[in-house]
Amino acid sequence: MSTIDQYKKAVTECRDIFKKKTIDYGTSWRVYRTISIVDQIYIKAKRIRTIQEKQQQKIGDTIASEFKGILNYAIIGLIQLDLKEDAGEELAVEQVIEMYDQKITQAQLLMLDKNHDYGEAWREMSQESFVDLILAKLQRIRQILANDGKTLVSEGIDANYYDIVNYSVFGLILIEEGVHQG
């Protein structure tokens, strides 16, 4: 299976979960501020890291399910950045899925460009590195927020979310291939 097919398969699973949760809960995540989304992603990444370090877990959710959650929260973060505060808390499922698909398309294009330049180096990386990179991206977003959203020479919050999406997809692909623990 090609990388793009693997990418689409991983994203389809995440999208399906996102859509079902949107049907179940509506867009309750609209109340989250950027820092709350960052903290939701942090909780999931920290859990993966703890499982990696302890080599055991007590809760049934898998590492793969945590990567899926991280990806979906990063997409929520990207959507929230685009929506104005007065957009309302409840959005139609179809509208949200359309926004989800737009963000995933952007993430996929970024992945293809980076894969071209980096030669799919991610295939040789450890699962621990994906988690560490996600945690570092969260720290960067926190710092950007502390700087009132301003950066001097660095990418913005959205770029960090896009990288988090792609690291999550890479983690899911390597779990599916049996290279990493799932």
C-alpha atoms as a PDB file:
ATOM      1  CA  MET A   1       0.000   0.000   0.000  1.00  0.00           C
ATOM      2  CA  SER A   2       1.352   3.443  -0.913  1.00  0.00           C
ATOM      3  CA  THR A   3       1.958   6.135   1.679  1.00  0.00           C
ATOM      4  CA  ILE A   4      -0.945   8.185   0.363  1.00  0.00           C
ATOM      5  CA  ASP A   5      -3.268   5.170   0.622  1.00  0.00           C
ATOM      6  CA  GLN A   6      -2.037   4.469   4.157  1.00  0.00           C
ATOM      7  CA  TYR A   7      -2.533   8.136   5.024  1.00  0.00           C
ATOM      8  CA  LYS A   8      -6.085   8.140   3.677  1.00  0.00           C
ATOM      9  CA  LYS A   9      -6.925   4.930   5.540  1.00  0.00           C
ATOM     10  CA  ALA A  10      -5.685   6.310   8.863  1.00  0.00           C
ATOM     11  CA  VAL A  11      -7.502   9.598   8.340  1.00  0.00           C
ATOM     12  CA  THR A  12     -10.730   7.838   7.323  1.00  0.00           C
ATOM     13  CA  GLU A  13     -10.750   5.989  10.650  1.00  0.00           C
ATOM     14  CA  CYS A  14     -10.209   9.267  12.540  1.00  0.00           C
ATOM     15  CA  ARG A  15     -12.859  11.068  10.497  1.00  0.00           C
ATOM     16  CA  ASP A  16     -15.387   8.317  11.170  1.00  0.00           C
ATOM     17  CA  ILE A  17     -14.822   8.650  14.926  1.00  0.00           C
ATOM     18  CA  PHE A  18     -15.023  12.444  14.683  1.00  0.00           C
ATOM     19  CA  LYS A  19     -18.281  12.314  12.740  1.00  0.00           C
ATOM     20  CA  LYS A  20     -19.891   9.842  15.142  1.00  0.00           C
ATOM     21  CA  LYS A  21     -18.833  11.909  18.163  1.00  0.00           C
ATOM     22  CA  THR A  22     -20.199  15.030  16.472  1.00  0.00           C
ATOM     23  CA  ILE A  23     -23.529  13.247  15.999  1.00  0.00           C
ATOM     24  CA  ASP A  24     -23.458  12.094  19.652  1.00  0.00           C
ATOM     25  CA  TYR A  25     -22.226  15.309  21.286  1.00  0.00           C
ATOM     26  CA  GLY A  26     -22.782  18.029  18.733  1.00  0.00           C
ATOM     27  CA  THR A  27     -20.034  20.614  18.582  1.00  0.00           C
ATOM     28  CA  SER A  28     -19.616  20.930  22.335  1.00  0.00           C
ATOM     29  CA  TRP A  29     -15.900  21.496  21.660  1.00  0.00           C
ATOM     30  CA  ARG A  30     -16.794  24.989  20.417  1.00  0.00           C
ATOM     31  CA  VAL A  31     -16.516  26.164  24.032  1.00  0.00           C
ATOM     32  CA  TYR A  32     -12.805  25.251  24.109  1.00  0.00           C
ATOM     33  CA  ARG A  33     -10.243  27.992  23.931  1.00  0.00           C
ATOM     34  CA  THR A  34      -6.933  27.240  22.221  1.00  0.00           C
ATOM     35  CA  ILE A  35      -5.201  26.414  25.505  1.00  0.00           C
ATOM     36  CA  SER A  36      -7.916  23.879  26.355  1.00  0.00           C
ATOM     37  CA  ILE A  37      -7.427  22.105  23.035  1.00  0.00           C
ATOM     38  CA  VAL A  38      -3.676  22.098  23.651  1.00  0.00           C
ATOM     39  CA  ASP A  39      -4.309  20.540  27.076  1.00  0.00           C
ATOM     40  CA  GLN A  40      -6.595  17.864  25.604  1.00  0.00           C
ATOM     41  CA  ILE A  41      -3.862  16.881  23.147  1.00  0.00           C
ATOM     42  CA  TYR A  42      -1.290  17.034  25.940  1.00  0.00           C
ATOM     43  CA  ILE A  43      -3.280  14.579  28.076  1.00  0.00           C
ATOM     44  CA  LYS A  44      -3.369  12.059  25.235  1.00  0.00           C
ATOM     45  CA  ALA A  45       0.301  12.468  24.295  1.00  0.00           C
ATOM     46  CA  LYS A  46       1.355  12.268  27.947  1.00  0.00           C
ATOM     47  CA  ARG A  47      -0.640   9.039  28.319  1.00  0.00           C
ATOM     48  CA  ILE A  48       1.160   7.487  25.350  1.00  0.00           C
ATOM     49  CA  ARG A  49       4.490   8.558  26.835  1.00  0.00           C
ATOM     50  CA  THR A  50       3.578   7.059  30.214  1.00  0.00           C
ATOM     51  CA  ILE A  51       2.576   3.757  28.587  1.00  0.00           C
ATOM     52  CA  GLN A  52       5.857   3.738  26.670  1.00  0.00           C
ATOM     53  CA  GLU A  53       7.869   4.355  29.821  1.00  0.00           C
ATOM     54  CA  LYS A  54       5.987   1.980  32.130  1.00  0.00           C
ATOM     55  CA  GLN A  55       5.498  -0.666  29.447  1.00  0.00           C
ATOM     56  CA  GLN A  56       2.018  -1.297  30.830  1.00  0.00           C
ATOM     57  CA  GLN A  57      -1.394   0.275  31.089  1.00  0.00           C
ATOM     58  CA  LYS A  58      -4.547  -0.137  33.168  1.00  0.00           C
ATOM     59  CA  ILE A  59      -7.092   1.555  30.904  1.00  0.00           C
ATOM     60  CA  GLY A  60      -8.143  -0.264  27.751  1.00  0.00           C
ATOM     61  CA  ASP A  61      -7.731   2.613  25.273  1.00  0.00           C
ATOM     62  CA  THR A  62      -4.857   1.786  22.939  1.00  0.00           C
ATOM     63  CA  ILE A  63      -1.953   3.934  21.820  1.00  0.00           C
ATOM     64  CA  ALA A  64      -3.575   3.950  18.389  1.00  0.00           C
ATOM     65  CA  SER A  65      -6.820   5.309  19.837  1.00  0.00           C
ATOM     66  CA  GLU A  66      -4.849   8.068  21.583  1.00  0.00           C
ATOM     67  CA  PHE A  67      -3.143   9.055  18.304  1.00  0.00           C
ATOM     68  CA  LYS A  68      -6.600   9.200  16.692  1.00  0.00           C
ATOM     69  CA  GLY A  69      -7.796  11.458  19.492  1.00  0.00           C
ATOM     70  CA  ILE A  70      -4.732  13.677  19.129  1.00  0.00           C
ATOM     71  CA  LEU A  71      -5.353  14.017  15.405  1.00  0.00           C
ATOM     72  CA  ASN A  72      -9.015  14.881  15.917  1.00  0.00           C
ATOM     73  CA  TYR A  73      -8.264  17.469  18.590  1.00  0.00           C
ATOM     74  CA  ALA A  74      -5.645  19.055  16.321  1.00  0.00           C
ATOM     75  CA  ILE A  75      -8.279  19.302  13.582  1.00  0.00           C
ATOM     76  CA  ILE A  76     -10.673  20.855  16.111  1.00  0.00           C
ATOM     77  CA  GLY A  77      -7.922  23.347  16.931  1.00  0.00           C
ATOM     78  CA  LEU A  78      -7.503  24.240  13.269  1.00  0.00           C
ATOM     79  CA  ILE A  79     -11.254  24.635  12.800  1.00  0.00           C
ATOM     80  CA  GLN A  80     -11.497  26.806  15.910  1.00  0.00           C
ATOM     81  CA  LEU A  81      -8.754  29.102  14.586  1.00  0.00           C
ATOM     82  CA  ASP A  82     -10.890  29.761  11.492  1.00  0.00           C
ATOM     83  CA  LEU A  83     -14.237  30.239  13.242  1.00  0.00           C
ATOM     84  CA  LYS A  84     -15.190  33.576  14.666  1.00  0.00           C
ATOM     85  CA  GLU A  85     -16.433  33.693  18.249  1.00  0.00           C
ATOM     86  CA  ASP A  86     -19.906  34.627  17.065  1.00  0.00           C
ATOM     87  CA  ALA A  87     -20.132  31.580  14.766  1.00  0.00           C
ATOM     88  CA  GLY A  88     -22.242  29.886  17.422  1.00  0.00           C
ATOM     89  CA  GLU A  89     -21.600  26.830  19.521  1.00  0.00           C
ATOM     90  CA  GLU A  90     -23.776  24.384  17.590  1.00  0.00           C
ATOM     91  CA  LEU A  91     -22.745  23.760  14.016  1.00  0.00           C
ATOM     92  CA  ALA A  92     -24.358  21.348  11.554  1.00  0.00           C
ATOM     93  CA  VAL A  93     -22.639  17.975  11.212  1.00  0.00           C
ATOM     94  CA  GLU A  94     -22.280  18.446   7.445  1.00  0.00           C
ATOM     95  CA  GLN A  95     -20.661  21.864   7.920  1.00  0.00           C
ATOM     96  CA  VAL A  96     -18.189  20.512  10.485  1.00  0.00           C
ATOM     97  CA  ILE A  97     -17.280  17.512   8.332  1.00  0.00           C
ATOM     98  CA  GLU A  98     -16.660  19.822   5.373  1.00  0.00           C
ATOM     99  CA  MET A  99     -14.291  21.903   7.529  1.00  0.00           C
ATOM    100  CA  TYR A 100     -12.647  18.690   8.803  1.00  0.00           C
ATOM    101  CA  ASP A 101     -12.066  17.518   5.236  1.00  0.00           C
ATOM    102  CA  GLN A 102     -10.555  20.873   4.247  1.00  0.00           C
ATOM    103  CA  LYS A 103      -8.081  20.719   7.129  1.00  0.00           C
ATOM    104  CA  ILE A 104      -7.153  17.102   6.397  1.00  0.00           C
ATOM    105  CA  THR A 105      -6.582  17.975   2.736  1.00  0.00           C
ATOM    106  CA  GLN A 106      -4.193  20.759   3.812  1.00  0.00           C
ATOM    107  CA  ALA A 107      -2.388  18.390   6.196  1.00  0.00           C
ATOM    108  CA  GLN A 108      -2.082  15.764   3.472  1.00  0.00           C
ATOM    109  CA  LEU A 109      -0.633  18.274   1.003  1.00  0.00           C
ATOM    110  CA  LEU A 110       1.881  19.373   3.633  1.00  0.00           C
ATOM    111  CA  MET A 111       2.812  15.734   4.249  1.00  0.00           C
ATOM    112  CA  LEU A 112       3.366  15.129   0.535  1.00  0.00           C
ATOM    113  CA  ASP A 113       5.597  18.207   0.246  1.00  0.00           C
ATOM    114  CA  LYS A 114       7.626  17.256   3.314  1.00  0.00           C
ATOM    115  CA  ASN A 115       7.891  13.623   2.201  1.00  0.00           C
ATOM    116  CA  HIS A 116       9.298  14.876  -1.096  1.00  0.00           C
ATOM    117  CA  ASP A 117      11.948  16.926   0.669  1.00  0.00           C
ATOM    118  CA  TYR A 118      12.710  14.583   3.583  1.00  0.00           C
ATOM    119  CA  GLY A 119      12.392  11.243   1.796  1.00  0.00           C
ATOM    120  CA  GLU A 120       9.898   9.768   4.281  1.00  0.00           C
ATOM    121  CA  ALA A 121      12.429   9.911   7.110  1.00  0.00           C
ATOM    122  CA  TRP A 122       9.504   9.437   9.515  1.00  0.00           C
ATOM    123  CA  ARG A 123       9.397   5.741   8.578  1.00  0.00           C
ATOM    124  CA  GLU A 124      12.686   5.283  10.438  1.00  0.00           C
ATOM    125  CA  MET A 125      11.647   7.227  13.537  1.00  0.00           C
ATOM    126  CA  SER A 126      10.607   5.784  16.874  1.00  0.00           C
ATOM    127  CA  GLN A 127       7.121   6.097  18.285  1.00  0.00           C
ATOM    128  CA  GLU A 128       8.711   7.876  21.237  1.00  0.00           C
ATOM    129  CA  SER A 129       9.978  10.577  18.866  1.00  0.00           C
ATOM    130  CA  PHE A 130       6.501  11.183  17.454  1.00  0.00           C
ATOM    131  CA  VAL A 131       5.178  11.682  20.983  1.00  0.00           C
ATOM    132  CA  ASP A 132       8.093  13.936  21.936  1.00  0.00           C
ATOM    133  CA  LEU A 133       7.608  16.012  18.787  1.00  0.00           C
ATOM    134  CA  ILE A 134       3.895  16.389  19.540  1.00  0.00           C
ATOM    135  CA  LEU A 135       4.691  17.468  23.101  1.00  0.00           C
ATOM    136  CA  ALA A 136       7.245  19.983  21.766  1.00  0.00           C
ATOM    137  CA  LYS A 137       4.680  21.391  19.320  1.00  0.00           C
ATOM    138  CA  LEU A 138       2.264  21.850  22.237  1.00  0.00           C
ATOM    139  CA  GLN A 139       4.940  23.743  24.158  1.00  0.00           C
ATOM    140  CA  ARG A 140       5.453  25.967  21.128  1.00  0.00           C
ATOM    141  CA  ILE A 141       1.728  26.719  20.930  1.00  0.00           C
ATOM    142  CA  ARG A 142       1.709  27.552  24.644  1.00  0.00           C
ATOM    143  CA  GLN A 143       4.601  29.968  24.107  1.00  0.00           C
ATOM    144  CA  ILE A 144       2.883  31.575  21.125  1.00  0.00           C
ATOM    145  CA  LEU A 145      -0.226  32.050  23.273  1.00  0.00           C
ATOM    146  CA  ALA A 146       1.918  33.583  26.026  1.00  0.00           C
ATOM    147  CA  ASN A 147       3.223  35.985  23.343  1.00  0.00           C
ATOM    148  CA  ASP A 148      -0.364  37.024  22.505  1.00  0.00           C
ATOM    149  CA  GLY A 149      -0.297  34.924  19.323  1.00  0.00           C
ATOM    150  CA  LYS A 150       2.669  36.758  17.858  1.00  0.00           C
ATOM    151  CA  THR A 151       5.856  35.231  16.492  1.00  0.00           C
ATOM    152  CA  LEU A 152       8.969  36.962  15.182  1.00  0.00           C
ATOM    153  CA  VAL A 153      10.250  34.381  12.705  1.00  0.00           C
ATOM    154  CA  SER A 154       8.424  31.176  13.584  1.00  0.00           C
ATOM    155  CA  GLU A 155       5.367  29.499  12.164  1.00  0.00           C
ATOM    156  CA  GLY A 156       2.063  30.113  13.879  1.00  0.00           C
ATOM    157  CA  ILE A 157      -0.288  27.942  15.871  1.00  0.00           C
ATOM    158  CA  ASP A 158      -1.859  26.454  12.753  1.00  0.00           C
ATOM    159  CA  ALA A 159       1.455  25.099  11.450  1.00  0.00           C
ATOM    160  CA  ASN A 160       2.045  23.335  14.756  1.00  0.00           C
ATOM    161  CA  TYR A 161      -1.422  21.761  14.639  1.00  0.00           C
ATOM    162  CA  TYR A 162      -0.776  20.551  11.075  1.00  0.00           C
ATOM    163  CA  ASP A 163       2.478  18.920  12.182  1.00  0.00           C
ATOM    164  CA  ILE A 164       0.638  17.258  15.093  1.00  0.00           C
ATOM    165  CA  VAL A 165      -1.915  15.856  12.625  1.00  0.00           C
ATOM    166  CA  ASN A 166       0.832  14.411  10.453  1.00  0.00           C
ATOM    167  CA  TYR A 167       2.863  12.956  13.338  1.00  0.00           C
ATOM    168  CA  SER A 168      -0.324  11.247  14.506  1.00  0.00           C
ATOM    169  CA  VAL A 169      -0.964   9.798  11.054  1.00  0.00           C
ATOM    170  CA  PHE A 170       2.618   8.566  10.870  1.00  0.00           C
ATOM    171  CA  GLY A 171       2.218   6.915  14.257  1.00  0.00           C
ATOM    172  CA  LEU A 172      -0.989   5.212  13.100  1.00  0.00           C
ATOM    173  CA  ILE A 173       0.600   4.004   9.857  1.00  0.00           C
ATOM    174  CA  LEU A 174       3.574   2.457  11.678  1.00  0.00           C
ATOM    175  CA  ILE A 175       1.242   0.809  14.218  1.00  0.00           C
ATOM    176  CA  GLU A 176      -0.813  -0.619  11.343  1.00  0.00           C
ATOM    177  CA  GLU A 177       2.390  -1.933   9.746  1.00  0.00           C
ATOM    178  CA  GLY A 178       3.355  -3.595  13.030  1.00  0.00           C
ATOM    179  CA  VAL A 179       6.523  -1.496  13.312  1.00  0.00           C
ATOM    180  CA  HIS A 180       5.326   0.311  16.467  1.00  0.00           C
ATOM    181  CA  GLN A 181       3.362  -0.760  19.532  1.00  0.00           C
ATOM    182  CA  GLY A 182      -0.380  -0.197  19.171  1.00  0.00           C
END
